[in-house]
PDB file of N, CA and C in Angstrom:
ATOM      1  N   MET A   1      33.045  74.026 -25.342  1.00  0.00           N
ATOM      2  CA  MET A   1      33.458  73.499 -24.049  1.00  0.00           C
ATOM      3  C   MET A   1      33.763  74.692 -23.139  1.00  0.00           C
ATOM      4  N   SER A   2      33.257  74.632 -21.925  1.00  0.00           N
ATOM      5  CA  SER A   2      33.505  75.709 -20.974  1.00  0.00           C
ATOM      6  C   SER A   2      34.903  75.579 -20.376  1.00  0.00           C
ATOM      7  N   PHE A   3      35.359  76.641 -19.740  1.00  0.00           N
ATOM      8  CA  PHE A   3      36.667  76.609 -19.084  1.00  0.00           C
ATOM      9  C   PHE A   3      36.698  75.535 -18.007  1.00  0.00           C
ATOM     10  N   THR A   4      35.642  75.425 -17.228  1.00  0.00           N
ATOM     11  CA  THR A   4      35.592  74.429 -16.151  1.00  0.00           C
ATOM     12  C   THR A   4      35.729  73.024 -16.715  1.00  0.00           C
ATOM     13  N   GLU A   5      35.030  72.743 -17.802  1.00  0.00           N
ATOM     14  CA  GLU A   5      35.137  71.430 -18.435  1.00  0.00           C
ATOM     15  C   GLU A   5      36.546  71.192 -18.985  1.00  0.00           C
ATOM     16  N   ALA A   6      37.105  72.215 -19.616  1.00  0.00           N
ATOM     17  CA  ALA A   6      38.456  72.101 -20.154  1.00  0.00           C
ATOM     18  C   ALA A   6      39.486  71.904 -19.047  1.00  0.00           C
ATOM     19  N   LEU A   7      39.285  72.601 -17.941  1.00  0.00           N
ATOM     20  CA  LEU A   7      40.195  72.472 -16.801  1.00  0.00           C
ATOM     21  C   LEU A   7      40.122  71.069 -16.217  1.00  0.00           C
ATOM     22  N   GLU A   8      38.941  70.532 -16.059  1.00  0.00           N
ATOM     23  CA  GLU A   8      38.780  69.172 -15.530  1.00  0.00           C
ATOM     24  C   GLU A   8      39.441  68.147 -16.454  1.00  0.00           C
ATOM     25  N   LYS A   9      39.272  68.341 -17.764  1.00  0.00           N
ATOM     26  CA  LYS A   9      39.893  67.437 -18.718  1.00  0.00           C
ATOM     27  C   LYS A   9      41.415  67.534 -18.634  1.00  0.00           C
ATOM     28  N   ALA A  10      41.944  68.747 -18.551  1.00  0.00           N
ATOM     29  CA  ALA A  10      43.390  68.947 -18.466  1.00  0.00           C
ATOM     30  C   ALA A  10      43.955  68.350 -17.183  1.00  0.00           C
ATOM     31  N   LYS A  11      43.235  68.509 -16.086  1.00  0.00           N
ATOM     32  CA  LYS A  11      43.691  67.937 -14.814  1.00  0.00           C
ATOM     33  C   LYS A  11      43.715  66.412 -14.879  1.00  0.00           C
ATOM     34  N   ALA A  12      42.743  65.821 -15.529  1.00  0.00           N
ATOM     35  CA  ALA A  12      42.679  64.368 -15.639  1.00  0.00           C
ATOM     36  C   ALA A  12      43.821  63.822 -16.500  1.00  0.00           C
ATOM     37  N   GLU A  13      44.273  64.601 -17.467  1.00  0.00           N
ATOM     38  CA  GLU A  13      45.333  64.168 -18.374  1.00  0.00           C
ATOM     39  C   GLU A  13      46.719  64.582 -17.907  1.00  0.00           C
ATOM     40  N   TYR A  14      46.797  65.420 -16.874  1.00  0.00           N
ATOM     41  CA  TYR A  14      48.069  65.967 -16.420  1.00  0.00           C
ATOM     42  C   TYR A  14      48.944  64.888 -15.798  1.00  0.00           C
ATOM     43  N   SER A  15      50.204  64.906 -16.170  1.00  0.00           N
ATOM     44  CA  SER A  15      51.184  63.998 -15.591  1.00  0.00           C
ATOM     45  C   SER A  15      52.221  64.842 -14.874  1.00  0.00           C
ATOM     46  N   LYS A  16      52.603  64.436 -13.688  1.00  0.00           N
ATOM     47  CA  LYS A  16      53.553  65.209 -12.904  1.00  0.00           C
ATOM     48  C   LYS A  16      54.993  64.973 -13.338  1.00  0.00           C
ATOM     49  N   GLY A  17      55.201  64.293 -14.399  1.00  0.00           N
ATOM     50  CA  GLY A  17      56.555  64.048 -14.868  1.00  0.00           C
ATOM     51  C   GLY A  17      56.826  62.568 -14.983  1.00  0.00           C
ATOM     52  N   PRO A  18      58.074  62.246 -15.228  1.00  0.00           N
ATOM     53  CA  PRO A  18      58.402  60.833 -15.394  1.00  0.00           C
ATOM     54  C   PRO A  18      58.238  60.067 -14.095  1.00  0.00           C
ATOM     55  N   THR A  19      58.083  58.777 -14.221  1.00  0.00           N
ATOM     56  CA  THR A  19      57.951  57.927 -13.059  1.00  0.00           C
ATOM     57  C   THR A  19      59.212  58.021 -12.213  1.00  0.00           C
ATOM     58  N   CYS A  20      59.055  57.960 -10.927  1.00  0.00           N
ATOM     59  CA  CYS A  20      60.176  58.041  -9.991  1.00  0.00           C
ATOM     60  C   CYS A  20      61.116  56.855 -10.211  1.00  0.00           C
ATOM     61  N   THR A  21      62.384  57.148 -10.488  1.00  0.00           N
ATOM     62  CA  THR A  21      63.383  56.105 -10.714  1.00  0.00           C
ATOM     63  C   THR A  21      63.530  55.207  -9.500  1.00  0.00           C
ATOM     64  N   VAL A  22      63.490  55.813  -8.319  1.00  0.00           N
ATOM     65  CA  VAL A  22      63.640  55.037  -7.083  1.00  0.00           C
ATOM     66  C   VAL A  22      62.471  54.071  -6.929  1.00  0.00           C
ATOM     67  N   ALA A  23      61.263  54.523  -7.202  1.00  0.00           N
ATOM     68  CA  ALA A  23      60.091  53.652  -7.098  1.00  0.00           C
ATOM     69  C   ALA A  23      60.195  52.484  -8.076  1.00  0.00           C
ATOM     70  N   LEU A  24      60.698  52.750  -9.280  1.00  0.00           N
ATOM     71  CA  LEU A  24      60.874  51.677 -10.265  1.00  0.00           C
ATOM     72  C   LEU A  24      61.884  50.649  -9.769  1.00  0.00           C
ATOM     73  N   ILE A  25      62.960  51.123  -9.174  1.00  0.00           N
ATOM     74  CA  ILE A  25      63.973  50.210  -8.638  1.00  0.00           C
ATOM     75  C   ILE A  25      63.386  49.390  -7.496  1.00  0.00           C
ATOM     76  N   LEU A  26      62.641  50.043  -6.617  1.00  0.00           N
ATOM     77  CA  LEU A  26      62.056  49.329  -5.475  1.00  0.00           C
ATOM     78  C   LEU A  26      61.066  48.257  -5.916  1.00  0.00           C
ATOM     79  N   LYS A  27      60.430  48.449  -7.061  1.00  0.00           N
ATOM     80  CA  LYS A  27      59.475  47.456  -7.560  1.00  0.00           C
ATOM     81  C   LYS A  27      60.163  46.224  -8.130  1.00  0.00           C
ATOM     82  N   SER A  28      61.379  46.400  -8.637  1.00  0.00           N
ATOM     83  CA  SER A  28      61.987  45.302  -9.376  1.00  0.00           C
ATOM     84  C   SER A  28      63.273  44.733  -8.779  1.00  0.00           C
ATOM     85  N   HIS A  29      63.898  45.439  -7.881  1.00  0.00           N
ATOM     86  CA  HIS A  29      65.198  44.995  -7.354  1.00  0.00           C
ATOM     87  C   HIS A  29      65.007  43.883  -6.321  1.00  0.00           C
ATOM     88  N   PRO A  30      65.813  42.829  -6.373  1.00  0.00           N
ATOM     89  CA  PRO A  30      65.676  41.735  -5.407  1.00  0.00           C
ATOM     90  C   PRO A  30      65.987  42.143  -3.963  1.00  0.00           C
ATOM     91  N   ASP A  31      66.732  43.227  -3.785  1.00  0.00           N
ATOM     92  CA  ASP A  31      67.064  43.718  -2.443  1.00  0.00           C
ATOM     93  C   ASP A  31      66.238  44.948  -2.064  1.00  0.00           C
ATOM     94  N   ALA A  32      65.009  45.017  -2.552  1.00  0.00           N
ATOM     95  CA  ALA A  32      64.178  46.205  -2.361  1.00  0.00           C
ATOM     96  C   ALA A  32      63.997  46.582  -0.890  1.00  0.00           C
ATOM     97  N   ASP A  33      63.829  45.618  -0.017  1.00  0.00           N
ATOM     98  CA  ASP A  33      63.631  45.932   1.401  1.00  0.00           C
ATOM     99  C   ASP A  33      64.860  46.616   1.992  1.00  0.00           C
ATOM    100  N   GLU A  34      66.039  46.125   1.633  1.00  0.00           N
ATOM    101  CA  GLU A  34      67.275  46.719   2.133  1.00  0.00           C
ATOM    102  C   GLU A  34      67.490  48.117   1.553  1.00  0.00           C
ATOM    103  N   ILE A  35      67.138  48.283   0.291  1.00  0.00           N
ATOM    104  CA  ILE A  35      67.267  49.595  -0.350  1.00  0.00           C
ATOM    105  C   ILE A  35      66.337  50.593   0.322  1.00  0.00           C
ATOM    106  N   LYS A  36      65.097  50.180   0.544  1.00  0.00           N
ATOM    107  CA  LYS A  36      64.119  51.063   1.187  1.00  0.00           C
ATOM    108  C   LYS A  36      64.599  51.453   2.584  1.00  0.00           C
ATOM    109  N   ALA A  37      65.137  50.500   3.338  1.00  0.00           N
ATOM    110  CA  ALA A  37      65.640  50.796   4.680  1.00  0.00           C
ATOM    111  C   ALA A  37      66.799  51.784   4.620  1.00  0.00           C
ATOM    112  N   SER A  38      67.674  51.643   3.629  1.00  0.00           N
ATOM    113  CA  SER A  38      68.805  52.569   3.515  1.00  0.00           C
ATOM    114  C   SER A  38      68.337  53.969   3.141  1.00  0.00           C
ATOM    115  N   ILE A  39      67.294  54.059   2.327  1.00  0.00           N
ATOM    116  CA  ILE A  39      66.746  55.372   1.960  1.00  0.00           C
ATOM    117  C   ILE A  39      66.115  56.040   3.175  1.00  0.00           C
ATOM    118  N   GLU A  40      65.445  55.266   4.004  1.00  0.00           N
ATOM    119  CA  GLU A  40      64.810  55.818   5.197  1.00  0.00           C
ATOM    120  C   GLU A  40      65.827  56.214   6.268  1.00  0.00           C
ATOM    121  N   GLU A  41      67.021  55.638   6.215  1.00  0.00           N
ATOM    122  CA  GLU A  41      68.092  55.951   7.162  1.00  0.00           C
ATOM    123  C   GLU A  41      68.771  57.248   6.711  1.00  0.00           C
ATOM    124  N   ARG A  42      68.405  58.351   7.339  1.00  0.00           N
ATOM    125  CA  ARG A  42      68.893  59.670   6.914  1.00  0.00           C
ATOM    126  C   ARG A  42      70.405  59.835   7.085  1.00  0.00           C
ATOM    127  N   GLY A  43      71.045  58.967   7.855  1.00  0.00           N
ATOM    128  CA  GLY A  43      72.479  59.055   8.060  1.00  0.00           C
ATOM    129  C   GLY A  43      73.293  58.558   6.872  1.00  0.00           C
ATOM    130  N   ILE A  44      72.639  57.897   5.926  1.00  0.00           N
ATOM    131  CA  ILE A  44      73.333  57.403   4.737  1.00  0.00           C
ATOM    132  C   ILE A  44      73.092  58.404   3.605  1.00  0.00           C
ATOM    133  N   PRO A  45      74.149  59.056   3.121  1.00  0.00           N
ATOM    134  CA  PRO A  45      73.971  60.039   2.048  1.00  0.00           C
ATOM    135  C   PRO A  45      73.398  59.417   0.781  1.00  0.00           C
ATOM    136  N   GLY A  46      72.618  60.186   0.062  1.00  0.00           N
ATOM    137  CA  GLY A  46      72.043  59.729  -1.203  1.00  0.00           C
ATOM    138  C   GLY A  46      73.105  59.335  -2.209  1.00  0.00           C
ATOM    139  N   THR A  47      74.265  60.006  -2.168  1.00  0.00           N
ATOM    140  CA  THR A  47      75.339  59.660  -3.093  1.00  0.00           C
ATOM    141  C   THR A  47      75.867  58.251  -2.836  1.00  0.00           C
ATOM    142  N   VAL A  48      75.929  57.859  -1.575  1.00  0.00           N
ATOM    143  CA  VAL A  48      76.403  56.524  -1.218  1.00  0.00           C
ATOM    144  C   VAL A  48      75.406  55.472  -1.708  1.00  0.00           C
ATOM    145  N   ILE A  49      74.131  55.730  -1.501  1.00  0.00           N
ATOM    146  CA  ILE A  49      73.090  54.802  -1.949  1.00  0.00           C
ATOM    147  C   ILE A  49      73.108  54.682  -3.476  1.00  0.00           C
ATOM    148  N   ALA A  50      73.222  55.814  -4.159  1.00  0.00           N
ATOM    149  CA  ALA A  50      73.259  55.804  -5.623  1.00  0.00           C
ATOM    150  C   ALA A  50      74.452  55.003  -6.134  1.00  0.00           C
ATOM    151  N   ARG A  51      75.621  55.182  -5.514  1.00  0.00           N
ATOM    152  CA  ARG A  51      76.805  54.420  -5.938  1.00  0.00           C
ATOM    153  C   ARG A  51      76.608  52.921  -5.730  1.00  0.00           C
ATOM    154  N   ALA A  52      76.028  52.549  -4.597  1.00  0.00           N
ATOM    155  CA  ALA A  52      75.791  51.129  -4.322  1.00  0.00           C
ATOM    156  C   ALA A  52      74.790  50.550  -5.313  1.00  0.00           C
ATOM    157  N   LEU A  53      73.749  51.308  -5.639  1.00  0.00           N
ATOM    158  CA  LEU A  53      72.768  50.834  -6.611  1.00  0.00           C
ATOM    159  C   LEU A  53      73.390  50.689  -7.989  1.00  0.00           C
ATOM    160  N   GLU A  54      74.224  51.645  -8.376  1.00  0.00           N
ATOM    161  CA  GLU A  54      74.882  51.552  -9.674  1.00  0.00           C
ATOM    162  C   GLU A  54      75.804  50.337  -9.736  1.00  0.00           C
ATOM    163  N   ALA A  55      76.439  49.993  -8.610  1.00  0.00           N
ATOM    164  CA  ALA A  55      77.316  48.824  -8.554  1.00  0.00           C
ATOM    165  C   ALA A  55      76.534  47.520  -8.744  1.00  0.00           C
ATOM    166  N   THR A  56      75.227  47.567  -8.445  1.00  0.00           N
ATOM    167  CA  THR A  56      74.388  46.375  -8.627  1.00  0.00           C
ATOM    168  C   THR A  56      73.634  46.402  -9.953  1.00  0.00           C
ATOM    169  N   GLY A  57      73.918  47.415 -10.786  1.00  0.00           N
ATOM    170  CA  GLY A  57      73.306  47.485 -12.109  1.00  0.00           C
ATOM    171  C   GLY A  57      72.089  48.385 -12.223  1.00  0.00           C
ATOM    172  N   SER A  58      71.746  49.111 -11.172  1.00  0.00           N
ATOM    173  CA  SER A  58      70.599  50.018 -11.210  1.00  0.00           C
ATOM    174  C   SER A  58      71.099  51.453 -11.340  1.00  0.00           C
ATOM    175  N   LYS A  59      70.798  52.071 -12.461  1.00  0.00           N
ATOM    176  CA  LYS A  59      71.257  53.434 -12.711  1.00  0.00           C
ATOM    177  C   LYS A  59      70.296  54.426 -12.068  1.00  0.00           C
ATOM    178  N   VAL A  60      70.817  55.201 -11.124  1.00  0.00           N
ATOM    179  CA  VAL A  60      70.013  56.213 -10.431  1.00  0.00           C
ATOM    180  C   VAL A  60      70.945  57.318  -9.966  1.00  0.00           C
ATOM    181  N   LYS A  61      70.452  58.536  -9.970  1.00  0.00           N
ATOM    182  CA  LYS A  61      71.250  59.671  -9.505  1.00  0.00           C
ATOM    183  C   LYS A  61      70.953  59.933  -8.035  1.00  0.00           C
ATOM    184  N   ALA A  62      71.929  60.490  -7.350  1.00  0.00           N
ATOM    185  CA  ALA A  62      71.757  60.835  -5.938  1.00  0.00           C
ATOM    186  C   ALA A  62      70.595  61.808  -5.753  1.00  0.00           C
ATOM    187  N   GLU A  63      70.401  62.693  -6.709  1.00  0.00           N
ATOM    188  CA  GLU A  63      69.301  63.663  -6.631  1.00  0.00           C
ATOM    189  C   GLU A  63      67.945  62.962  -6.608  1.00  0.00           C
ATOM    190  N   ALA A  64      67.841  61.853  -7.322  1.00  0.00           N
ATOM    191  CA  ALA A  64      66.589  61.089  -7.324  1.00  0.00           C
ATOM    192  C   ALA A  64      66.331  60.476  -5.950  1.00  0.00           C
ATOM    193  N   ILE A  65      67.390  60.012  -5.310  1.00  0.00           N
ATOM    194  CA  ILE A  65      67.265  59.476  -3.947  1.00  0.00           C
ATOM    195  C   ILE A  65      66.779  60.571  -3.010  1.00  0.00           C
ATOM    196  N   GLN A  66      67.369  61.750  -3.114  1.00  0.00           N
ATOM    197  CA  GLN A  66      66.996  62.858  -2.236  1.00  0.00           C
ATOM    198  C   GLN A  66      65.555  63.313  -2.491  1.00  0.00           C
ATOM    199  N   ARG A  67      65.162  63.410  -3.754  1.00  0.00           N
ATOM    200  CA  ARG A  67      63.776  63.794  -4.076  1.00  0.00           C
ATOM    201  C   ARG A  67      62.802  62.788  -3.491  1.00  0.00           C
ATOM    202  N   HIS A  68      63.134  61.509  -3.619  1.00  0.00           N
ATOM    203  CA  HIS A  68      62.270  60.455  -3.083  1.00  0.00           C
ATOM    204  C   HIS A  68      62.174  60.573  -1.561  1.00  0.00           C
ATOM    205  N   ARG A  69      63.286  60.823  -0.917  1.00  0.00           N
ATOM    206  CA  ARG A  69      63.276  61.000   0.545  1.00  0.00           C
ATOM    207  C   ARG A  69      62.367  62.139   0.975  1.00  0.00           C
ATOM    208  N   ARG A  70      62.380  63.223   0.230  1.00  0.00           N
ATOM    209  CA  ARG A  70      61.567  64.404   0.558  1.00  0.00           C
ATOM    210  C   ARG A  70      60.103  64.237   0.165  1.00  0.00           C
ATOM    211  N   GLY A  71      59.826  63.231  -0.657  1.00  0.00           N
ATOM    212  CA  GLY A  71      58.468  63.077  -1.168  1.00  0.00           C
ATOM    213  C   GLY A  71      58.180  64.042  -2.286  1.00  0.00           C
ATOM    214  N   ALA A  72      59.241  64.551  -2.949  1.00  0.00           N
ATOM    215  CA  ALA A  72      59.082  65.528  -4.011  1.00  0.00           C
ATOM    216  C   ALA A  72      59.151  64.890  -5.396  1.00  0.00           C
ATOM    217  N   CYS A  73      59.072  63.567  -5.448  1.00  0.00           N
ATOM    218  CA  CYS A  73      59.133  62.861  -6.718  1.00  0.00           C
ATOM    219  C   CYS A  73      57.714  62.567  -7.218  1.00  0.00           C
ATOM    220  N   GLY A  74      57.636  61.926  -8.358  1.00  0.00           N
ATOM    221  CA  GLY A  74      56.335  61.647  -8.963  1.00  0.00           C
ATOM    222  C   GLY A  74      55.718  60.313  -8.602  1.00  0.00           C
ATOM    223  N   CYS A  75      56.251  59.610  -7.607  1.00  0.00           N
ATOM    224  CA  CYS A  75      55.736  58.264  -7.339  1.00  0.00           C
ATOM    225  C   CYS A  75      54.537  58.246  -6.391  1.00  0.00           C
ATOM    226  N   GLY A  76      54.162  59.400  -5.877  1.00  0.00           N
ATOM    227  CA  GLY A  76      53.013  59.433  -4.994  1.00  0.00           C
ATOM    228  C   GLY A  76      53.323  59.094  -3.552  1.00  0.00           C
ATOM    229  N   ARG A  77      54.595  58.973  -3.247  1.00  0.00           N
ATOM    230  CA  ARG A  77      55.008  58.689  -1.867  1.00  0.00           C
ATOM    231  C   ARG A  77      54.688  59.910  -1.008  1.00  0.00           C
ATOM    232  N   PRO A  78      54.100  59.687   0.144  1.00  0.00           N
ATOM    233  CA  PRO A  78      53.758  60.844   1.007  1.00  0.00           C
ATOM    234  C   PRO A  78      54.979  61.551   1.532  1.00  0.00           C
TER     235      PRO A  78
END
């Protein structure tokens, strides 16, 4: 196998990490629209959103909220 072939195979199998926790919550939470709006509202700190989500039974860290806001997570959000 050539390097080019091996590289293409490796790229096809590459995973950027675990699935974005925020994206998983948005897919399954009954208040997903409200959660998404709060994430888009930059005036609400990620820590506040994380605490509110934890109070509703969704475990997420504030850092995950911030990564999702920046588009630096693995969910493919632009």
